[in-house]
């Protein structure tokens, strides 16, 4: 898959060392990218809307609306809205609250409500898919988009990873089986991708390419990694590596320094670049790590993201390519439901908040 644009929203550093990471006020970004934001949407939907709209605004050309799908990965989804609905229903049954659940909260508790709003705002009216596979939710969304592109169902795909911070922390670390003292975070990371190969839509201006996204069985549930898991990842990266190409290892969830170093040792000259220490741990933090590879100033090269989950080892191999953007670009058009093919401009893959690296 060719990467046409990337955008990510990083949380601010916590004021207290060791505290959780939180994304700052979304209102300024909403005013810039989503001036007509739907009313009464939850925080998960707001993070999704800002990320999807901003990624479209960074694209080098207008997206083909009805040939562009949205594929969102989320580990815990809109859990906050679901909790509100449950509390209201339980309260009604117990006689604590006077009436049924709020229709607004009930509608927003549906798992794909965020991507419905994103389709309205961006004009991407192709397939609309939400993937929830714990810590490999973003990787699952990438795979689903790749299959649709290869099958010719779509020409482009907006692929995102979004998870919000839950004030009740146990709602996060219990769902994805993390230690209770894990430093948590939240964020929104997005890629606009197109088919690779001759005749692929939008390939002029491509910033790079997703070369492989694989899941190797094993993991916590199976008693540990497959015996040759790291060898398999190294073999995939070696096959994709060009002569003399720099390689960067991005360790994700549950990949400690020793495991990252062991993988780097299998790829001569590879370096390790951490990013979870800048955004906290959450199921789709991988989306921030990968989108960060396409920010301005990042040197070209091969990047290998690896993470462990309860299903095994997940790896994404990508290449960042050098790119010369036009010096002058027109102002982006306002996107509205009545404009299914917005006219965004390219501004070089800006980051929404604090970039990694």
Protein backbone atom coordinates (compact mmCIF):
# COMPACT_ATOMS: atom_id res chain seq x y z
CA UNK A 1 0.00 0.00 0.00
CA UNK A 2 1.26 3.45 -0.92
CA UNK A 3 1.06 6.00 1.90
CA UNK A 4 -0.27 9.29 0.52
CA UNK A 5 -0.67 11.18 3.79
CA UNK A 6 -0.25 10.69 7.53
CA UNK A 7 -1.40 12.60 10.58
CA UNK A 8 -1.28 11.91 14.30
CA UNK A 9 -2.47 13.56 17.48
CA UNK A 10 -0.14 13.02 20.41
CA UNK A 11 -0.97 13.60 24.08
CA UNK A 12 0.81 16.28 26.07
CA UNK A 13 3.51 15.19 28.53
CA UNK A 14 2.03 14.75 32.02
CA UNK A 15 2.80 17.47 34.56
CA UNK A 16 3.73 14.79 37.09
CA UNK A 17 6.43 12.26 36.08
CA UNK A 18 4.95 8.78 35.80
CA UNK A 19 1.39 10.06 35.37
CA UNK A 20 -0.81 9.09 32.44
CA UNK A 21 -0.76 10.96 29.11
CA UNK A 22 -3.80 12.98 27.98
CA UNK A 23 -4.55 14.70 24.68
CA UNK A 24 -5.01 18.48 25.13
CA UNK A 25 -8.18 20.43 24.36
CA UNK A 26 -9.57 19.32 20.99
CA UNK A 27 -11.47 22.55 20.29
CA UNK A 28 -8.66 24.36 18.34
CA UNK A 29 -8.11 21.36 16.07
CA UNK A 30 -11.86 20.94 15.58
CA UNK A 31 -12.13 24.60 14.56
CA UNK A 32 -9.38 24.02 11.96
CA UNK A 33 -10.35 20.63 10.55
CA UNK A 34 -13.98 20.01 11.53
CA UNK A 35 -15.71 23.43 11.55
CA UNK A 36 -19.12 21.76 11.31
CA UNK A 37 -18.60 19.04 13.90
CA UNK A 38 -21.76 17.04 14.66
CA UNK A 39 -23.28 18.04 17.98
CA UNK A 40 -23.27 15.89 21.10
CA UNK A 41 -20.66 13.36 20.04
CA UNK A 42 -18.42 11.67 22.60
CA UNK A 43 -14.68 12.05 23.01
CA UNK A 44 -13.87 8.88 21.06
CA UNK A 45 -15.82 10.22 18.07
CA UNK A 46 -14.17 13.63 18.42
CA UNK A 47 -10.69 12.06 18.35
CA UNK A 48 -11.73 10.06 15.28
CA UNK A 49 -13.20 13.06 13.46
CA UNK A 50 -10.19 15.30 14.02
CA UNK A 51 -7.74 12.61 12.91
CA UNK A 52 -9.61 11.53 9.78
CA UNK A 53 -10.35 15.08 8.63
CA UNK A 54 -6.79 16.25 9.27
CA UNK A 55 -5.33 13.30 7.35
CA UNK A 56 -7.56 14.10 4.36
CA UNK A 57 -6.46 17.74 4.58
CA UNK A 58 -2.82 16.63 4.28
CA UNK A 59 -3.42 14.58 1.13
CA UNK A 60 -1.70 15.64 -2.12
CA UNK A 61 -4.98 15.49 -4.09
CA UNK A 62 -8.73 15.21 -3.47
CA UNK A 63 -9.86 11.78 -2.33
CA UNK A 64 -12.27 9.84 -4.56
CA UNK A 65 -15.21 9.96 -2.16
CA UNK A 66 -17.21 6.88 -3.12
CA UNK A 67 -13.99 4.91 -3.79
CA UNK A 68 -12.45 5.69 -0.40
CA UNK A 69 -13.14 3.47 2.61
CA UNK A 70 -12.64 4.14 6.32
CA UNK A 71 -10.99 1.44 8.42
CA UNK A 72 -10.70 2.23 12.12
CA UNK A 73 -8.93 0.13 14.71
CA UNK A 74 -9.80 0.65 18.38
CA UNK A 75 -8.99 -1.53 21.36
CA UNK A 76 -11.66 -0.27 23.73
CA UNK A 77 -13.82 1.75 21.34
CA UNK A 78 -16.29 4.24 22.74
CA UNK A 79 -16.31 2.60 26.16
CA UNK A 80 -17.11 5.87 27.94
CA UNK A 81 -20.39 6.27 26.03
CA UNK A 82 -21.25 2.61 26.62
CA UNK A 83 -20.66 3.07 30.35
CA UNK A 84 -23.04 6.05 30.45
CA UNK A 85 -25.78 4.05 28.75
CA UNK A 86 -25.32 1.11 31.13
CA UNK A 87 -25.44 3.41 34.16
CA UNK A 88 -28.63 5.06 32.89
CA UNK A 89 -30.35 1.74 32.15
CA UNK A 90 -29.32 0.20 35.47
CA UNK A 91 -30.40 3.36 37.26
CA UNK A 92 -33.80 3.27 35.58
CA UNK A 93 -34.32 -0.39 36.50
CA UNK A 94 -33.28 0.30 40.07
CA UNK A 95 -35.54 3.33 40.26
CA UNK A 96 -32.62 5.73 40.83
CA UNK A 97 -33.04 7.66 37.56
CA UNK A 98 -36.42 8.86 36.27
CA UNK A 99 -36.36 7.67 32.67
CA UNK A 100 -34.71 5.55 29.97
CA UNK A 101 -31.18 6.05 28.62
CA UNK A 102 -30.48 9.26 26.74
CA UNK A 103 -31.13 8.74 23.00
CA UNK A 104 -27.92 10.69 22.27
CA UNK A 105 -25.73 8.49 24.44
CA UNK A 106 -27.47 5.38 23.16
CA UNK A 107 -26.82 6.29 19.51
CA UNK A 108 -23.19 7.16 20.25
CA UNK A 109 -22.65 3.84 22.04
CA UNK A 110 -22.84 1.95 18.73
CA UNK A 111 -19.35 0.72 17.87
CA UNK A 112 -19.15 2.33 14.43
CA UNK A 113 -20.84 5.65 15.23
CA UNK A 114 -17.46 7.45 15.12
CA UNK A 115 -16.69 6.24 11.59
CA UNK A 116 -20.20 7.16 10.47
CA UNK A 117 -19.51 10.75 11.50
CA UNK A 118 -16.04 10.59 9.90
CA UNK A 119 -17.59 9.54 6.59
CA UNK A 120 -19.97 12.49 6.72
CA UNK A 121 -17.18 14.95 7.43
CA UNK A 122 -14.54 13.63 5.00
CA UNK A 123 -16.82 12.51 2.17
CA UNK A 124 -15.27 9.02 2.24
CA UNK A 125 -18.41 7.07 1.43
CA UNK A 126 -16.88 3.67 0.58
CA UNK A 127 -16.77 0.73 3.02
CA UNK A 128 -16.93 1.74 6.66
CA UNK A 129 -15.26 -0.78 8.98
CA UNK A 130 -14.32 -0.88 12.68
CA UNK A 131 -11.83 -3.50 13.89
CA UNK A 132 -11.35 -4.34 17.56
CA UNK A 133 -8.65 -6.95 18.23
CA UNK A 134 -7.13 -5.76 21.49
CA UNK A 135 -3.57 -4.47 20.89
CA UNK A 136 -3.54 -5.42 17.20
CA UNK A 137 -6.67 -3.46 16.28
CA UNK A 138 -4.79 -0.98 14.06
CA UNK A 139 -2.88 -3.79 12.37
CA UNK A 140 -6.21 -5.53 11.76
CA UNK A 141 -7.60 -2.36 10.16
CA UNK A 142 -4.51 -2.16 7.93
CA UNK A 143 -5.04 -5.75 6.80
CA UNK A 144 -8.73 -5.16 6.07
CA UNK A 145 -7.91 -2.07 4.01
CA UNK A 146 -5.19 -3.93 2.11
CA UNK A 147 -7.60 -6.73 1.19
CA UNK A 148 -10.18 -4.23 -0.08
CA UNK A 149 -7.55 -2.39 -2.13
CA UNK A 150 -6.19 -5.61 -3.64
CA UNK A 151 -9.72 -6.75 -4.52
CA UNK A 152 -10.39 -3.46 -6.31
CA UNK A 153 -13.29 -2.57 -4.03
CA UNK A 154 -11.76 0.84 -3.32
CA UNK A 155 -8.97 3.08 -4.63
CA UNK A 156 -8.00 4.70 -1.32
CA UNK A 157 -8.47 4.01 2.37
CA UNK A 158 -8.34 6.10 5.52
CA UNK A 159 -6.84 3.79 8.13
CA UNK A 160 -6.84 4.98 11.73
CA UNK A 161 -6.12 3.90 15.27
CA UNK A 162 -8.02 5.71 18.03
CA UNK A 163 -8.43 5.07 21.74
CA UNK A 164 -9.51 7.48 24.43
CA UNK A 165 -8.29 7.66 27.99
CA UNK A 166 -10.69 6.30 30.59
CA UNK A 167 -10.71 8.04 33.96
CA UNK A 168 -11.47 4.65 35.49
CA UNK A 169 -8.04 3.30 34.47
CA UNK A 170 -8.94 -0.31 35.14
CA UNK A 171 -11.35 -0.09 32.20
CA UNK A 172 -8.27 0.07 29.97
CA UNK A 173 -5.69 -2.19 31.50
CA UNK A 174 -8.14 -4.95 32.41
CA UNK A 175 -9.56 -5.03 28.87
CA UNK A 176 -6.15 -5.49 27.24
CA UNK A 177 -4.49 -7.35 30.12
CA UNK A 178 -1.85 -4.81 31.19
CA UNK A 179 -0.22 -4.47 34.61
CA UNK A 180 -2.08 -2.05 36.89
CA UNK A 181 0.95 0.27 37.13
CA UNK A 182 1.24 0.75 33.34
CA UNK A 183 1.44 4.41 32.26
CA UNK A 184 -1.57 4.82 29.97
CA UNK A 185 -2.29 7.27 27.19
CA UNK A 186 -4.61 8.11 24.32
CA UNK A 187 -4.34 9.42 20.78
CA UNK A 188 -5.43 9.37 17.16
CA UNK A 189 -3.18 8.25 14.29
CA UNK A 190 -4.16 8.04 10.62
CA UNK A 191 -2.83 7.03 7.21
CA UNK A 192 -4.32 7.68 3.77
CA UNK A 193 -3.26 4.72 1.63
CA UNK A 194 -3.75 3.60 -1.97
CA UNK A 195 -3.01 0.52 -4.03
CA UNK A 196 0.64 -0.16 -4.76
CA UNK A 197 1.93 -0.98 -8.22
CA UNK A 198 1.42 0.40 -11.74
CA UNK A 199 -1.69 2.49 -12.16
CA UNK A 200 -2.28 2.85 -8.43
CA UNK A 201 -4.47 5.82 -7.62
CA UNK A 202 -2.69 8.85 -6.25
CA UNK A 203 0.82 7.42 -6.25
CA UNK A 204 2.39 10.76 -7.30
CA UNK A 205 3.30 12.38 -4.00
CA UNK A 206 3.44 9.10 -2.07
CA UNK A 207 5.42 9.42 1.16
CA UNK A 208 6.20 5.74 1.45
CA UNK A 209 4.73 2.28 1.43
CA UNK A 210 3.40 -0.33 3.84
CA UNK A 211 5.31 -3.42 2.78
CA UNK A 212 3.96 -6.03 5.20
CA UNK A 213 1.60 -6.40 8.15
CA UNK A 214 1.74 -9.84 9.77
CA UNK A 215 0.61 -11.58 12.94
CA UNK A 216 2.64 -14.55 14.17
CA UNK A 217 0.62 -16.89 16.46
CA UNK A 218 1.70 -17.43 20.03
CA UNK A 219 1.54 -14.73 22.67
CA UNK A 220 0.49 -14.74 26.30
CA UNK A 221 -2.45 -17.09 25.82
CA UNK A 222 -0.27 -19.70 24.13
CA UNK A 223 2.42 -19.55 26.81
CA UNK A 224 4.79 -17.19 24.99
CA UNK A 225 6.09 -16.20 21.57
CA UNK A 226 6.43 -18.76 18.82
CA UNK A 227 10.00 -20.16 18.95
CA UNK A 228 10.96 -18.46 15.70
CA UNK A 229 8.77 -15.33 15.96
CA UNK A 230 11.64 -12.84 15.92
CA UNK A 231 13.42 -14.78 13.18
CA UNK A 232 10.27 -14.53 11.05
CA UNK A 233 10.04 -10.78 11.58
CA UNK A 234 13.74 -10.36 10.78
CA UNK A 235 13.37 -12.45 7.63
CA UNK A 236 10.48 -10.29 6.37
CA UNK A 237 12.45 -7.10 7.03
CA UNK A 238 15.60 -8.51 5.42
CA UNK A 239 13.68 -9.47 2.28
CA UNK A 240 12.30 -5.92 2.03
CA UNK A 241 15.55 -4.14 2.85
CA UNK A 242 17.48 -2.44 0.08
CA UNK A 243 21.27 -2.47 -0.07
CA UNK A 244 22.64 -0.05 2.49
CA UNK A 245 19.18 1.00 3.68
CA UNK A 246 18.87 2.25 7.26
CA UNK A 247 16.59 0.18 9.50
CA UNK A 248 14.75 1.46 12.57
CA UNK A 249 13.02 -0.82 15.09
CA UNK A 250 9.91 0.65 16.76
CA UNK A 251 9.06 -1.39 19.88
CA UNK A 252 5.37 -1.30 20.72
CA UNK A 253 3.21 -2.71 23.50
CA UNK A 254 4.91 -5.43 25.60
CA UNK A 255 8.18 -5.27 23.66
CA UNK A 256 10.87 -4.41 26.20
CA UNK A 257 14.40 -3.18 25.56
CA UNK A 258 15.87 -6.69 25.56
CA UNK A 259 13.41 -7.97 22.95
CA UNK A 260 13.93 -4.92 20.74
CA UNK A 261 17.71 -5.33 20.99
CA UNK A 262 17.41 -9.02 20.10
CA UNK A 263 15.49 -8.13 16.93
CA UNK A 264 17.93 -5.34 16.05
CA UNK A 265 20.81 -7.82 16.37
CA UNK A 266 19.23 -9.87 13.59
CA UNK A 267 19.22 -6.82 11.29
CA UNK A 268 22.82 -5.52 11.03
CA UNK A 269 23.09 -1.78 11.62
CA UNK A 270 19.49 -1.42 12.85
CA UNK A 271 18.74 1.12 15.58
CA UNK A 272 15.92 1.14 18.14
CA UNK A 273 13.60 4.16 18.47
CA UNK A 274 11.09 4.18 21.34
CA UNK A 275 7.85 6.16 21.30
CA UNK A 276 5.56 4.77 24.03
CA UNK A 277 7.46 6.90 26.53
CA UNK A 278 6.03 9.92 24.69
CA UNK A 279 2.39 8.91 24.40
CA UNK A 280 1.73 6.25 27.05
CA UNK A 281 0.47 2.73 26.43
CA UNK A 282 -2.89 2.06 24.80
CA UNK A 283 -4.19 -0.52 22.36
CA UNK A 284 -3.70 1.54 19.19
CA UNK A 285 -0.55 3.46 20.12
CA UNK A 286 1.00 1.71 17.11
CA UNK A 287 -0.95 4.12 14.87
CA UNK A 288 0.97 7.05 16.37
CA UNK A 289 4.29 5.28 16.04
CA UNK A 290 3.73 4.45 12.38
CA UNK A 291 2.20 7.79 11.38
CA UNK A 292 5.17 9.47 13.07
CA UNK A 293 7.49 7.82 10.53
CA UNK A 294 6.02 10.11 7.86
CA UNK A 295 6.37 13.44 9.65
CA UNK A 296 8.58 16.14 8.07
CA UNK A 297 12.27 15.73 8.75
CA UNK A 298 12.26 11.95 9.20
CA UNK A 299 15.02 10.37 7.13
CA UNK A 300 14.08 7.80 4.52
CA UNK A 301 14.60 4.16 5.40
CA UNK A 302 12.97 0.94 6.50
CA UNK A 303 10.92 0.89 9.70
CA UNK A 304 9.86 -2.25 11.56
CA UNK A 305 7.16 -1.90 14.22
CA UNK A 306 6.74 -4.88 16.54
CA UNK A 307 4.37 -5.51 19.44
CA UNK A 308 3.25 -8.43 21.58
CA UNK A 309 -0.35 -9.22 22.30
CA UNK A 310 -2.34 -12.10 23.72
CA UNK A 311 -2.62 -13.50 20.20
CA UNK A 312 1.07 -13.45 19.29
CA UNK A 313 3.62 -11.07 17.78
CA UNK A 314 2.44 -8.39 15.34
CA UNK A 315 4.79 -6.66 12.91
CA UNK A 316 4.37 -3.86 10.38
CA UNK A 317 7.19 -3.21 7.92
CA UNK A 318 7.14 0.09 6.03
CA UNK A 319 9.40 2.29 3.95
CA UNK A 320 9.64 6.05 4.20
CA UNK A 321 10.75 7.58 0.90
CA UNK A 322 12.16 11.08 0.29
CA UNK A 323 9.63 13.46 -1.15
CA UNK A 324 9.69 16.96 -2.66
CA UNK A 325 6.42 18.80 -2.06
CA UNK A 326 5.33 21.81 -4.17
CA UNK A 327 6.32 25.13 -2.63
CA UNK A 328 2.89 26.71 -3.06
CA UNK A 329 -0.44 25.00 -2.44
CA UNK A 330 -3.99 26.41 -2.43
CA UNK A 331 -5.96 26.71 0.79
CA UNK A 332 -7.94 23.57 1.68
CA UNK A 333 -11.65 23.55 0.97
CA UNK A 334 -14.16 23.26 3.77
CA UNK A 335 -15.46 19.71 3.92
CA UNK A 336 -19.17 19.18 4.38
CA UNK A 337 -21.66 16.39 3.77
CA UNK A 338 -22.62 18.18 0.54
CA UNK A 339 -19.05 18.01 -0.77
CA UNK A 340 -18.34 14.27 -1.16
CA UNK A 341 -14.99 14.89 -2.85
CA UNK A 342 -13.25 17.60 -0.81
CA UNK A 343 -10.21 19.37 -2.19
CA UNK A 344 -7.55 19.08 0.51
CA UNK A 345 -4.01 20.25 -0.08
CA UNK A 346 -0.67 18.80 0.79
CA UNK A 347 1.39 20.36 3.51
CA UNK A 348 3.93 17.63 4.01
CA UNK A 349 2.37 15.37 6.61
CA UNK A 350 2.17 17.67 9.62
CA UNK A 351 1.65 16.24 13.07
CA UNK A 352 -1.27 17.29 15.22
CA UNK A 353 0.58 17.77 18.48
CA UNK A 354 3.83 16.39 19.78
CA UNK A 355 5.65 14.22 17.22
CA UNK A 356 7.71 11.23 18.18
CA UNK A 357 11.45 11.17 17.67
